[in-house]
Amino acid sequence: MKVLIAEDDPISLLLLRRAVERLGHECLAMTDGVAAWDAFVAHAPEVVITDWMMPGMDGPEFVRRIRDGERYCYVVMLTALADHHHALAGMSAGVDGYLAKPLDSAELKLALIAASEVVGL
């Protein structure tokens, strides 16, 4: 699958990108919400993994823009904001899955398996 990562922290981005690629997926990585939106439009990924807090456009706004489009994409929010309030707000914005930082590679693998089943790949 083609996976777009939107993460502004360079170390988190590197770790997430390596984990996604180790699982056999193609990866695009952006460090702010605006660049992530442009990459989403240009490259049509099947999966998006986005942080909540990013410069330019935050994760929930990025997800709302994805959901306003005509094409379905599986969206996972990966964030340090793991309390129920933020999880509910993320789900209300339209995310399909919610993962807490620090990244757990087993949870990431499960999320990408679910994504594969939903998008039919």
Foldseek 3Di string as FASTA:
>chain_A
DEEEEEAQDVVQQVVVVVLCVVLPYHYHYDNALVVSLVCCVVPVGQEYEYEQDGPPDGDLVSLLVQVVDDDDHAYEYEYQPPDPVVVVSSVVSPHPYYHYPPDDSVVVVVSVVVSCVVSVD
